């Protein structure tokens, strides 16, 4: 009897460890190579289809933030006409939000930084992407990998192109508190990001 209880306890512990190890986004709609996420913004809705086949680490990482509602109430803090609409890292008070850590750069996956694709933002070091993302508002060839690491594309817009176009044209300036350039004069808010049900 004692041996049986011990086996049950060990099984329970192992299951918990496996479940904890799976909290990386890979468990979200597992097996769905093209999950969709809806962005409800203060200027309208945008739907993106992610490409888990080409960018599995990046998509899993992104889905983890979405599932945990970590993008809700964030701002698009950088808007450059005919270039990018960037967000995901700051709340409405410009406070930087937590991250799960940096991820490997999957920019060599064959996806290009074409207009209306969604890409991970990063610093100069190629492997510093964590939670910030941007939409390409032109065919940004210079962001693709070549001799050097590029920026990892992990999906594309399937609905709401006109919303992104509107966001890309908002007046911007230098934020007086932080000195950042290209900040929308009126905040553009990502009110909610939700994972859509699987399509069959």
C-alpha atoms as a PDB file:
ATOM      1  CA  UNK A   1       0.000   0.000   0.000  1.00  0.00           C
ATOM      2  CA  UNK A   2       2.807   2.376   0.954  1.00  0.00           C
ATOM      3  CA  UNK A   3       4.621   1.578  -2.308  1.00  0.00           C
ATOM      4  CA  UNK A   4       1.400   2.319  -4.265  1.00  0.00           C
ATOM      5  CA  UNK A   5       0.997   5.710  -2.524  1.00  0.00           C
ATOM      6  CA  UNK A   6       4.655   6.524  -3.204  1.00  0.00           C
ATOM      7  CA  UNK A   7       4.231   5.745  -6.913  1.00  0.00           C
ATOM      8  CA  UNK A   8       1.146   7.988  -7.065  1.00  0.00           C
ATOM      9  CA  UNK A   9       3.021  10.851  -5.359  1.00  0.00           C
ATOM     10  CA  UNK A  10       5.988  10.476  -7.737  1.00  0.00           C
ATOM     11  CA  UNK A  11       3.679  10.411 -10.749  1.00  0.00           C
ATOM     12  CA  UNK A  12       1.912  13.511  -9.492  1.00  0.00           C
ATOM     13  CA  UNK A  13       5.238  15.347  -9.005  1.00  0.00           C
ATOM     14  CA  UNK A  14       6.490  14.332 -12.485  1.00  0.00           C
ATOM     15  CA  UNK A  15       3.231  15.482 -14.090  1.00  0.00           C
ATOM     16  CA  UNK A  16       3.528  18.835 -12.313  1.00  0.00           C
ATOM     17  CA  UNK A  17       7.123  19.256 -13.494  1.00  0.00           C
ATOM     18  CA  UNK A  18       6.155  18.465 -17.106  1.00  0.00           C
ATOM     19  CA  UNK A  19       3.196  20.874 -16.924  1.00  0.00           C
ATOM     20  CA  UNK A  20       5.421  23.628 -15.508  1.00  0.00           C
ATOM     21  CA  UNK A  21       8.010  23.039 -18.239  1.00  0.00           C
ATOM     22  CA  UNK A  22       5.283  23.437 -20.853  1.00  0.00           C
ATOM     23  CA  UNK A  23       4.401  26.984 -19.782  1.00  0.00           C
ATOM     24  CA  UNK A  24       6.295  28.395 -22.763  1.00  0.00           C
ATOM     25  CA  UNK A  25       3.363  28.866 -25.125  1.00  0.00           C
ATOM     26  CA  UNK A  26       3.860  25.557 -26.936  1.00  0.00           C
ATOM     27  CA  UNK A  27       0.858  24.144 -25.067  1.00  0.00           C
ATOM     28  CA  UNK A  28      -1.471  26.862 -26.455  1.00  0.00           C
ATOM     29  CA  UNK A  29      -3.463  25.368 -29.355  1.00  0.00           C
ATOM     30  CA  UNK A  30      -0.740  22.739 -29.652  1.00  0.00           C
ATOM     31  CA  UNK A  31      -0.678  21.307 -33.162  1.00  0.00           C
ATOM     32  CA  UNK A  32      -2.171  24.467 -34.711  1.00  0.00           C
ATOM     33  CA  UNK A  33       0.543  25.828 -36.992  1.00  0.00           C
ATOM     34  CA  UNK A  34      -1.396  29.005 -37.794  1.00  0.00           C
ATOM     35  CA  UNK A  35      -3.055  30.390 -34.653  1.00  0.00           C
ATOM     36  CA  UNK A  36      -4.850  33.714 -34.973  1.00  0.00           C
ATOM     37  CA  UNK A  37      -4.799  36.633 -32.540  1.00  0.00           C
ATOM     38  CA  UNK A  38      -7.199  39.558 -32.487  1.00  0.00           C
ATOM     39  CA  UNK A  39      -5.935  42.981 -31.399  1.00  0.00           C
ATOM     40  CA  UNK A  40      -8.701  45.270 -30.135  1.00  0.00           C
ATOM     41  CA  UNK A  41      -7.182  48.742 -30.340  1.00  0.00           C
ATOM     42  CA  UNK A  42      -8.520  52.206 -29.617  1.00  0.00           C
ATOM     43  CA  UNK A  43      -8.657  52.722 -33.403  1.00  0.00           C
ATOM     44  CA  UNK A  44     -10.234  49.414 -34.440  1.00  0.00           C
ATOM     45  CA  UNK A  45      -9.542  45.694 -34.647  1.00  0.00           C
ATOM     46  CA  UNK A  46      -6.654  43.870 -36.316  1.00  0.00           C
ATOM     47  CA  UNK A  47      -6.388  40.106 -36.789  1.00  0.00           C
ATOM     48  CA  UNK A  48      -3.042  38.419 -37.372  1.00  0.00           C
ATOM     49  CA  UNK A  49      -2.300  34.870 -38.420  1.00  0.00           C
ATOM     50  CA  UNK A  50       0.879  33.563 -36.832  1.00  0.00           C
ATOM     51  CA  UNK A  51       3.241  31.112 -38.507  1.00  0.00           C
ATOM     52  CA  UNK A  52       4.298  28.517 -35.983  1.00  0.00           C
ATOM     53  CA  UNK A  53       5.737  26.305 -38.717  1.00  0.00           C
ATOM     54  CA  UNK A  54       8.393  28.871 -39.634  1.00  0.00           C
ATOM     55  CA  UNK A  55       8.829  30.629 -36.276  1.00  0.00           C
ATOM     56  CA  UNK A  56       7.850  28.193 -33.490  1.00  0.00           C
ATOM     57  CA  UNK A  57       9.851  29.759 -30.642  1.00  0.00           C
ATOM     58  CA  UNK A  58       8.688  33.265 -31.506  1.00  0.00           C
ATOM     59  CA  UNK A  59       5.032  32.313 -31.913  1.00  0.00           C
ATOM     60  CA  UNK A  60       4.988  30.290 -28.679  1.00  0.00           C
ATOM     61  CA  UNK A  61       6.603  33.177 -26.816  1.00  0.00           C
ATOM     62  CA  UNK A  62       4.073  35.657 -28.218  1.00  0.00           C
ATOM     63  CA  UNK A  63       1.083  33.429 -27.464  1.00  0.00           C
ATOM     64  CA  UNK A  64       2.215  33.094 -23.850  1.00  0.00           C
ATOM     65  CA  UNK A  65       2.003  36.872 -23.372  1.00  0.00           C
ATOM     66  CA  UNK A  66      -1.383  36.991 -25.107  1.00  0.00           C
ATOM     67  CA  UNK A  67      -2.836  34.134 -23.045  1.00  0.00           C
ATOM     68  CA  UNK A  68      -1.709  35.780 -19.808  1.00  0.00           C
ATOM     69  CA  UNK A  69      -3.384  39.059 -20.917  1.00  0.00           C
ATOM     70  CA  UNK A  70      -0.021  40.782 -20.717  1.00  0.00           C
ATOM     71  CA  UNK A  71      -0.619  42.929 -23.808  1.00  0.00           C
ATOM     72  CA  UNK A  72      -3.959  44.267 -22.553  1.00  0.00           C
ATOM     73  CA  UNK A  73      -3.826  48.006 -21.854  1.00  0.00           C
ATOM     74  CA  UNK A  74      -0.482  48.537 -23.582  1.00  0.00           C
ATOM     75  CA  UNK A  75       0.371  51.312 -26.038  1.00  0.00           C
ATOM     76  CA  UNK A  76       1.838  51.595 -29.496  1.00  0.00           C
ATOM     77  CA  UNK A  77       4.726  53.787 -28.412  1.00  0.00           C
ATOM     78  CA  UNK A  78       6.543  54.146 -31.737  1.00  0.00           C
ATOM     79  CA  UNK A  79       4.926  54.999 -35.061  1.00  0.00           C
ATOM     80  CA  UNK A  80       7.030  55.832 -38.114  1.00  0.00           C
ATOM     81  CA  UNK A  81       5.143  56.487 -41.336  1.00  0.00           C
ATOM     82  CA  UNK A  82       5.924  54.004 -44.132  1.00  0.00           C
ATOM     83  CA  UNK A  83       8.092  52.019 -41.722  1.00  0.00           C
ATOM     84  CA  UNK A  84       6.698  50.522 -38.479  1.00  0.00           C
ATOM     85  CA  UNK A  85       3.972  50.572 -35.829  1.00  0.00           C
ATOM     86  CA  UNK A  86       5.579  49.239 -32.640  1.00  0.00           C
ATOM     87  CA  UNK A  87       4.159  48.260 -29.267  1.00  0.00           C
ATOM     88  CA  UNK A  88       3.803  45.601 -26.616  1.00  0.00           C
ATOM     89  CA  UNK A  89       6.336  46.843 -24.073  1.00  0.00           C
ATOM     90  CA  UNK A  90       4.741  49.693 -22.107  1.00  0.00           C
ATOM     91  CA  UNK A  91       1.499  50.458 -20.329  1.00  0.00           C
ATOM     92  CA  UNK A  92      -0.464  53.703 -20.725  1.00  0.00           C
ATOM     93  CA  UNK A  93       1.826  55.438 -18.226  1.00  0.00           C
ATOM     94  CA  UNK A  94       4.929  54.422 -20.210  1.00  0.00           C
ATOM     95  CA  UNK A  95       5.938  51.975 -17.481  1.00  0.00           C
ATOM     96  CA  UNK A  96       8.021  49.120 -18.897  1.00  0.00           C
ATOM     97  CA  UNK A  97       6.352  45.746 -18.436  1.00  0.00           C
ATOM     98  CA  UNK A  98       7.910  42.470 -17.264  1.00  0.00           C
ATOM     99  CA  UNK A  99       9.291  39.962 -19.732  1.00  0.00           C
ATOM    100  CA  UNK A 100       9.886  36.218 -19.635  1.00  0.00           C
ATOM    101  CA  UNK A 101      13.385  36.764 -20.986  1.00  0.00           C
ATOM    102  CA  UNK A 102      15.006  37.028 -24.397  1.00  0.00           C
ATOM    103  CA  UNK A 103      14.448  34.473 -27.139  1.00  0.00           C
ATOM    104  CA  UNK A 104      16.520  33.090 -29.990  1.00  0.00           C
ATOM    105  CA  UNK A 105      16.345  35.143 -33.193  1.00  0.00           C
ATOM    106  CA  UNK A 106      14.423  33.198 -35.859  1.00  0.00           C
ATOM    107  CA  UNK A 107      14.949  35.771 -38.619  1.00  0.00           C
ATOM    108  CA  UNK A 108      16.419  33.111 -40.924  1.00  0.00           C
ATOM    109  CA  UNK A 109      13.054  31.338 -41.237  1.00  0.00           C
ATOM    110  CA  UNK A 110      12.361  32.484 -44.813  1.00  0.00           C
ATOM    111  CA  UNK A 111       9.647  35.003 -43.890  1.00  0.00           C
ATOM    112  CA  UNK A 112      10.348  38.544 -45.102  1.00  0.00           C
ATOM    113  CA  UNK A 113       9.647  41.904 -43.462  1.00  0.00           C
ATOM    114  CA  UNK A 114       7.001  42.724 -46.033  1.00  0.00           C
ATOM    115  CA  UNK A 115       4.190  45.223 -45.515  1.00  0.00           C
ATOM    116  CA  UNK A 116       1.559  44.097 -42.981  1.00  0.00           C
ATOM    117  CA  UNK A 117       3.736  41.400 -41.401  1.00  0.00           C
ATOM    118  CA  UNK A 118       4.278  41.220 -37.645  1.00  0.00           C
ATOM    119  CA  UNK A 119       7.861  41.022 -36.382  1.00  0.00           C
ATOM    120  CA  UNK A 120       9.713  40.895 -33.066  1.00  0.00           C
ATOM    121  CA  UNK A 121      11.445  44.083 -31.972  1.00  0.00           C
ATOM    122  CA  UNK A 122      14.902  43.794 -30.437  1.00  0.00           C
ATOM    123  CA  UNK A 123      17.997  45.745 -29.476  1.00  0.00           C
ATOM    124  CA  UNK A 124      21.292  45.692 -31.406  1.00  0.00           C
ATOM    125  CA  UNK A 125      22.164  42.265 -30.051  1.00  0.00           C
ATOM    126  CA  UNK A 126      20.299  39.848 -32.371  1.00  0.00           C
ATOM    127  CA  UNK A 127      18.962  37.647 -29.559  1.00  0.00           C
ATOM    128  CA  UNK A 128      17.331  40.316 -27.372  1.00  0.00           C
ATOM    129  CA  UNK A 129      13.688  40.081 -28.505  1.00  0.00           C
ATOM    130  CA  UNK A 130      11.266  39.325 -25.679  1.00  0.00           C
ATOM    131  CA  UNK A 131       7.822  40.979 -25.722  1.00  0.00           C
ATOM    132  CA  UNK A 132       7.857  44.005 -28.024  1.00  0.00           C
ATOM    133  CA  UNK A 133       6.658  43.572 -31.599  1.00  0.00           C
ATOM    134  CA  UNK A 134       6.032  45.756 -34.625  1.00  0.00           C
ATOM    135  CA  UNK A 135       3.982  45.777 -37.795  1.00  0.00           C
ATOM    136  CA  UNK A 136       5.870  46.495 -41.003  1.00  0.00           C
ATOM    137  CA  UNK A 137       4.213  49.370 -42.839  1.00  0.00           C
ATOM    138  CA  UNK A 138       6.294  48.930 -45.988  1.00  0.00           C
ATOM    139  CA  UNK A 139       8.422  46.210 -47.550  1.00  0.00           C
ATOM    140  CA  UNK A 140      11.329  46.729 -45.147  1.00  0.00           C
ATOM    141  CA  UNK A 141      14.043  44.848 -47.006  1.00  0.00           C
ATOM    142  CA  UNK A 142      16.768  46.256 -44.738  1.00  0.00           C
ATOM    143  CA  UNK A 143      15.273  44.349 -41.781  1.00  0.00           C
ATOM    144  CA  UNK A 144      15.685  40.962 -43.472  1.00  0.00           C
ATOM    145  CA  UNK A 145      18.699  38.789 -42.666  1.00  0.00           C
ATOM    146  CA  UNK A 146      21.687  38.882 -44.976  1.00  0.00           C
ATOM    147  CA  UNK A 147      25.258  39.223 -43.910  1.00  0.00           C
ATOM    148  CA  UNK A 148      23.942  40.044 -40.439  1.00  0.00           C
ATOM    149  CA  UNK A 149      20.999  38.881 -38.335  1.00  0.00           C
ATOM    150  CA  UNK A 150      17.642  40.327 -39.315  1.00  0.00           C
ATOM    151  CA  UNK A 151      14.367  40.848 -37.463  1.00  0.00           C
ATOM    152  CA  UNK A 152      12.183  37.765 -36.984  1.00  0.00           C
ATOM    153  CA  UNK A 153       8.857  37.834 -38.814  1.00  0.00           C
ATOM    154  CA  UNK A 154       6.322  35.482 -37.225  1.00  0.00           C
ATOM    155  CA  UNK A 155       2.981  36.238 -38.891  1.00  0.00           C
ATOM    156  CA  UNK A 156       0.933  38.586 -41.002  1.00  0.00           C
ATOM    157  CA  UNK A 157      -2.236  40.650 -40.881  1.00  0.00           C
ATOM    158  CA  UNK A 158      -5.326  38.969 -42.333  1.00  0.00           C
ATOM    159  CA  UNK A 159      -7.931  41.565 -41.298  1.00  0.00           C
ATOM    160  CA  UNK A 160      -7.767  45.221 -40.278  1.00  0.00           C
ATOM    161  CA  UNK A 161      -5.260  46.583 -42.792  1.00  0.00           C
ATOM    162  CA  UNK A 162      -7.158  49.872 -42.830  1.00  0.00           C
ATOM    163  CA  UNK A 163      -6.845  50.137 -39.030  1.00  0.00           C
ATOM    164  CA  UNK A 164      -3.069  49.769 -39.230  1.00  0.00           C
ATOM    165  CA  UNK A 165      -2.968  52.328 -42.030  1.00  0.00           C
ATOM    166  CA  UNK A 166      -4.839  54.791 -39.792  1.00  0.00           C
ATOM    167  CA  UNK A 167      -2.497  54.150 -36.872  1.00  0.00           C
ATOM    168  CA  UNK A 168       0.545  54.656 -39.097  1.00  0.00           C
ATOM    169  CA  UNK A 169      -0.687  58.150 -39.992  1.00  0.00           C
ATOM    170  CA  UNK A 170      -1.334  59.489 -36.472  1.00  0.00           C
ATOM    171  CA  UNK A 171       0.565  62.671 -35.520  1.00  0.00           C
ATOM    172  CA  UNK A 172       3.714  61.902 -33.520  1.00  0.00           C
ATOM    173  CA  UNK A 173       6.302  63.893 -31.635  1.00  0.00           C
ATOM    174  CA  UNK A 174       8.963  63.738 -28.945  1.00  0.00           C
ATOM    175  CA  UNK A 175       7.664  62.614 -25.594  1.00  0.00           C
ATOM    176  CA  UNK A 176       8.484  65.416 -23.095  1.00  0.00           C
ATOM    177  CA  UNK A 177       9.059  63.062 -20.159  1.00  0.00           C
ATOM    178  CA  UNK A 178      11.293  60.427 -21.740  1.00  0.00           C
ATOM    179  CA  UNK A 179      12.623  62.236 -24.805  1.00  0.00           C
ATOM    180  CA  UNK A 180      11.525  59.418 -27.136  1.00  0.00           C
ATOM    181  CA  UNK A 181      10.805  60.361 -30.742  1.00  0.00           C
ATOM    182  CA  UNK A 182       7.964  59.058 -32.948  1.00  0.00           C
ATOM    183  CA  UNK A 183       5.535  58.783 -30.010  1.00  0.00           C
ATOM    184  CA  UNK A 184       1.840  59.281 -30.943  1.00  0.00           C
ATOM    185  CA  UNK A 185       0.574  62.643 -29.637  1.00  0.00           C
ATOM    186  CA  UNK A 186      -2.684  60.930 -28.634  1.00  0.00           C
ATOM    187  CA  UNK A 187      -2.166  57.466 -27.178  1.00  0.00           C
ATOM    188  CA  UNK A 188      -3.021  54.519 -29.406  1.00  0.00           C
ATOM    189  CA  UNK A 189      -3.986  51.738 -27.009  1.00  0.00           C
ATOM    190  CA  UNK A 190      -4.025  47.990 -27.452  1.00  0.00           C
ATOM    191  CA  UNK A 191      -7.064  47.439 -25.258  1.00  0.00           C
ATOM    192  CA  UNK A 192      -7.091  43.667 -25.550  1.00  0.00           C
ATOM    193  CA  UNK A 193      -5.316  40.850 -27.396  1.00  0.00           C
ATOM    194  CA  UNK A 194      -7.116  37.521 -27.575  1.00  0.00           C
ATOM    195  CA  UNK A 195      -6.350  34.130 -29.125  1.00  0.00           C
ATOM    196  CA  UNK A 196      -9.138  33.230 -31.534  1.00  0.00           C
ATOM    197  CA  UNK A 197     -10.684  29.752 -31.605  1.00  0.00           C
ATOM    198  CA  UNK A 198      -9.052  27.256 -33.963  1.00  0.00           C
ATOM    199  CA  UNK A 199     -10.393  27.183 -37.515  1.00  0.00           C
ATOM    200  CA  UNK A 200     -11.400  23.835 -38.997  1.00  0.00           C
END
